Amino acid sequence: VQLQASGGGLVQAGGSLRLSCAASGRSFMNYVMGWFRQAPGKEREFVASVRWTGGSTYYLDSVKGRFSISRDNAKNTVNLQTNSLIPEDTAVYYCAADRLTQQLRDYRQAEYWGQGTQVTVSS
């Protein structure tokens, strides 16, 4: 099983980035797919998640209205559109997957992890 994250970069405050997570190695039909982030010296935190079947989405309060998570069944990818970025969004972003939880808000529950992709927002 592999989760391949991409799309990070350096952007000015107010800008946008589209992160993608390519999933392979098994069917994720009954999984919830999530994005987490970790800033230096801070604990990894939940950002957003989506249920592969049904498409229900969940967000960290501070990103609601700015970030949008979606899944592409044909390409087996999960995307995180990040808009109106602020310096506080700077972190390494990770994608994750789990089949047992409803929303995957706790990073300790994730069954699979992708490698991180760095997002840096300059002021």
C-alpha atoms as a PDB file:
ATOM      1  CA  VAL A   1       0.000   0.000   0.000  1.00  0.00           C
ATOM      2  CA  GLN A   2       1.326   3.400  -0.935  1.00  0.00           C
ATOM      3  CA  LEU A   3       0.106   6.936  -0.399  1.00  0.00           C
ATOM      4  CA  GLN A   4       2.068   9.437  -2.461  1.00  0.00           C
ATOM      5  CA  ALA A   5       1.609  13.081  -1.516  1.00  0.00           C
ATOM      6  CA  SER A   6       2.547  15.953  -3.798  1.00  0.00           C
ATOM      7  CA  GLY A   7       1.767  19.574  -4.551  1.00  0.00           C
ATOM      8  CA  GLY A   8       3.446  21.463  -1.742  1.00  0.00           C
ATOM      9  CA  GLY A   9       5.530  24.559  -2.270  1.00  0.00           C
ATOM     10  CA  LEU A  10       6.249  28.142  -1.319  1.00  0.00           C
ATOM     11  CA  VAL A  11       3.411  30.625  -1.708  1.00  0.00           C
ATOM     12  CA  GLN A  12       2.658  34.135  -0.523  1.00  0.00           C
ATOM     13  CA  ALA A  13      -0.096  34.790   1.989  1.00  0.00           C
ATOM     14  CA  GLY A  14      -3.439  34.785   0.228  1.00  0.00           C
ATOM     15  CA  GLY A  15      -2.255  32.300  -2.360  1.00  0.00           C
ATOM     16  CA  SER A  16      -3.382  28.767  -3.141  1.00  0.00           C
ATOM     17  CA  LEU A  17      -1.935  25.295  -3.494  1.00  0.00           C
ATOM     18  CA  ARG A  18      -3.497  22.009  -4.544  1.00  0.00           C
ATOM     19  CA  LEU A  19      -2.175  18.984  -2.694  1.00  0.00           C
ATOM     20  CA  SER A  20      -2.736  15.515  -4.088  1.00  0.00           C
ATOM     21  CA  CYS A  21      -2.469  12.070  -2.541  1.00  0.00           C
ATOM     22  CA  ALA A  22      -2.235   9.141  -4.945  1.00  0.00           C
ATOM     23  CA  ALA A  23      -3.370   5.889  -3.339  1.00  0.00           C
ATOM     24  CA  SER A  24      -2.334   2.472  -4.607  1.00  0.00           C
ATOM     25  CA  GLY A  25      -1.904  -1.106  -3.520  1.00  0.00           C
ATOM     26  CA  ARG A  26      -5.443  -1.894  -2.385  1.00  0.00           C
ATOM     27  CA  SER A  27      -9.036  -0.771  -2.635  1.00  0.00           C
ATOM     28  CA  PHE A  28      -9.851   2.186  -0.405  1.00  0.00           C
ATOM     29  CA  MET A  29     -13.588   1.957  -0.933  1.00  0.00           C
ATOM     30  CA  ASN A  30     -14.423   1.636   2.785  1.00  0.00           C
ATOM     31  CA  TYR A  31     -11.707   3.961   3.989  1.00  0.00           C
ATOM     32  CA  VAL A  32     -11.663   7.500   5.227  1.00  0.00           C
ATOM     33  CA  MET A  33      -8.824   9.523   3.702  1.00  0.00           C
ATOM     34  CA  GLY A  34      -7.344  12.432   5.584  1.00  0.00           C
ATOM     35  CA  TRP A  35      -4.817  15.230   5.528  1.00  0.00           C
ATOM     36  CA  PHE A  36      -2.791  16.154   8.577  1.00  0.00           C
ATOM     37  CA  ARG A  37      -0.096  18.746   9.087  1.00  0.00           C
ATOM     38  CA  GLN A  38       2.814  19.205  11.410  1.00  0.00           C
ATOM     39  CA  ALA A  39       4.647  22.434  12.054  1.00  0.00           C
ATOM     40  CA  PRO A  40       8.086  22.489  13.710  1.00  0.00           C
ATOM     41  CA  GLY A  41       7.809  21.820  17.437  1.00  0.00           C
ATOM     42  CA  LYS A  42       4.093  21.103  17.254  1.00  0.00           C
ATOM     43  CA  GLU A  43       1.998  17.982  17.342  1.00  0.00           C
ATOM     44  CA  ARG A  44       0.588  16.595  14.126  1.00  0.00           C
ATOM     45  CA  GLU A  45      -2.939  17.954  13.672  1.00  0.00           C
ATOM     46  CA  PHE A  46      -5.976  16.998  11.650  1.00  0.00           C
ATOM     47  CA  VAL A  47      -6.784  19.237   8.689  1.00  0.00           C
ATOM     48  CA  ALA A  48      -9.510  17.529   6.675  1.00  0.00           C
ATOM     49  CA  SER A  49     -10.879  14.124   5.733  1.00  0.00           C
ATOM     50  CA  VAL A  50     -13.272  12.518   3.289  1.00  0.00           C
ATOM     51  CA  ARG A  51     -14.976   9.169   3.249  1.00  0.00           C
ATOM     52  CA  TRP A  52     -14.156   7.353   0.013  1.00  0.00           C
ATOM     53  CA  THR A  53     -17.666   5.909  -0.148  1.00  0.00           C
ATOM     54  CA  GLY A  54     -20.319   8.573   0.116  1.00  0.00           C
ATOM     55  CA  GLY A  55     -17.957  11.524   0.096  1.00  0.00           C
ATOM     56  CA  SER A  56     -18.735  12.974   3.530  1.00  0.00           C
ATOM     57  CA  THR A  57     -16.155  15.605   4.439  1.00  0.00           C
ATOM     58  CA  TYR A  58     -14.798  16.921   7.738  1.00  0.00           C
ATOM     59  CA  TYR A  59     -12.594  19.927   8.470  1.00  0.00           C
ATOM     60  CA  LEU A  60     -10.514  21.582  11.131  1.00  0.00           C
ATOM     61  CA  ASP A  61     -12.421  24.701  12.160  1.00  0.00           C
ATOM     62  CA  SER A  62      -9.608  27.065  11.201  1.00  0.00           C
ATOM     63  CA  VAL A  63      -9.542  25.865   7.583  1.00  0.00           C
ATOM     64  CA  LYS A  64     -13.288  25.757   6.941  1.00  0.00           C
ATOM     65  CA  GLY A  65     -14.173  27.962   4.016  1.00  0.00           C
ATOM     66  CA  ARG A  66     -10.554  28.063   2.846  1.00  0.00           C
ATOM     67  CA  PHE A  67      -9.678  24.406   2.235  1.00  0.00           C
ATOM     68  CA  SER A  68     -11.636  21.829   0.282  1.00  0.00           C
ATOM     69  CA  ILE A  69     -11.031  18.085   0.245  1.00  0.00           C
ATOM     70  CA  SER A  70     -12.235  15.832  -2.549  1.00  0.00           C
ATOM     71  CA  ARG A  71     -11.598  12.391  -3.953  1.00  0.00           C
ATOM     72  CA  ASP A  72     -11.270  11.291  -7.573  1.00  0.00           C
ATOM     73  CA  ASN A  73     -12.420   7.694  -7.842  1.00  0.00           C
ATOM     74  CA  ALA A  74     -11.154   7.278 -11.399  1.00  0.00           C
ATOM     75  CA  LYS A  75      -7.625   8.407 -10.530  1.00  0.00           C
ATOM     76  CA  ASN A  76      -7.603   6.983  -6.994  1.00  0.00           C
ATOM     77  CA  THR A  77      -6.468  10.312  -5.598  1.00  0.00           C
ATOM     78  CA  VAL A  78      -7.524  12.573  -2.765  1.00  0.00           C
ATOM     79  CA  ASN A  79      -7.009  16.281  -3.274  1.00  0.00           C
ATOM     80  CA  LEU A  80      -6.792  19.153  -0.840  1.00  0.00           C
ATOM     81  CA  GLN A  81      -7.396  22.563  -2.369  1.00  0.00           C
ATOM     82  CA  THR A  82      -5.944  25.194  -0.076  1.00  0.00           C
ATOM     83  CA  ASN A  83      -6.991  28.806  -0.643  1.00  0.00           C
ATOM     84  CA  SER A  84      -6.420  32.075   1.202  1.00  0.00           C
ATOM     85  CA  LEU A  85      -3.330  30.611   2.787  1.00  0.00           C
ATOM     86  CA  ILE A  86      -1.891  32.294   5.861  1.00  0.00           C
ATOM     87  CA  PRO A  87       1.561  31.910   7.456  1.00  0.00           C
ATOM     88  CA  GLU A  88       0.009  29.769  10.191  1.00  0.00           C
ATOM     89  CA  ASP A  89      -0.743  27.136   7.539  1.00  0.00           C
ATOM     90  CA  THR A  90       2.987  26.535   7.105  1.00  0.00           C
ATOM     91  CA  ALA A  91       3.719  22.887   7.881  1.00  0.00           C
ATOM     92  CA  VAL A  92       4.526  19.527   6.411  1.00  0.00           C
ATOM     93  CA  TYR A  93       1.274  18.073   5.119  1.00  0.00           C
ATOM     94  CA  TYR A  94       0.658  14.325   5.239  1.00  0.00           C
ATOM     95  CA  CYS A  95      -2.073  12.181   3.767  1.00  0.00           C
ATOM     96  CA  ALA A  96      -3.377   9.195   5.682  1.00  0.00           C
ATOM     97  CA  ALA A  97      -5.989   6.456   5.460  1.00  0.00           C
ATOM     98  CA  ASP A  98      -7.993   4.386   7.898  1.00  0.00           C
ATOM     99  CA  ARG A  99     -10.931   2.002   7.628  1.00  0.00           C
ATOM    100  CA  LEU A 100     -12.107   1.859  11.237  1.00  0.00           C
ATOM    101  CA  THR A 101     -12.818   5.477  12.135  1.00  0.00           C
ATOM    102  CA  GLN A 102     -15.603   7.703  10.923  1.00  0.00           C
ATOM    103  CA  GLN A 103     -13.685  10.975  10.488  1.00  0.00           C
ATOM    104  CA  LEU A 104      -9.982  10.201  11.092  1.00  0.00           C
ATOM    105  CA  ARG A 105      -9.450  13.256  13.298  1.00  0.00           C
ATOM    106  CA  ASP A 106      -6.828  11.578  15.504  1.00  0.00           C
ATOM    107  CA  TYR A 107      -3.506  10.923  13.770  1.00  0.00           C
ATOM    108  CA  ARG A 108      -2.914   7.943  16.063  1.00  0.00           C
ATOM    109  CA  GLN A 109      -5.804   6.121  14.396  1.00  0.00           C
ATOM    110  CA  ALA A 110      -4.390   6.204  10.884  1.00  0.00           C
ATOM    111  CA  GLU A 111      -3.574   2.851   9.345  1.00  0.00           C
ATOM    112  CA  TYR A 112      -1.512   4.149   6.423  1.00  0.00           C
ATOM    113  CA  TRP A 113       0.613   7.259   5.912  1.00  0.00           C
ATOM    114  CA  GLY A 114       2.118   8.961   2.950  1.00  0.00           C
ATOM    115  CA  GLN A 115       5.328  10.920   3.006  1.00  0.00           C
ATOM    116  CA  GLY A 116       4.960  14.607   3.732  1.00  0.00           C
ATOM    117  CA  THR A 117       4.894  17.548   1.392  1.00  0.00           C
ATOM    118  CA  GLN A 118       6.097  20.937   2.607  1.00  0.00           C
ATOM    119  CA  VAL A 119       3.796  23.936   2.465  1.00  0.00           C
ATOM    120  CA  THR A 120       5.401  27.282   3.262  1.00  0.00           C
ATOM    121  CA  VAL A 121       3.353  30.474   3.334  1.00  0.00           C
ATOM    122  CA  SER A 122       5.287  33.721   3.412  1.00  0.00           C
ATOM    123  CA  SER A 123       3.849  36.929   4.846  1.00  0.00           C
END
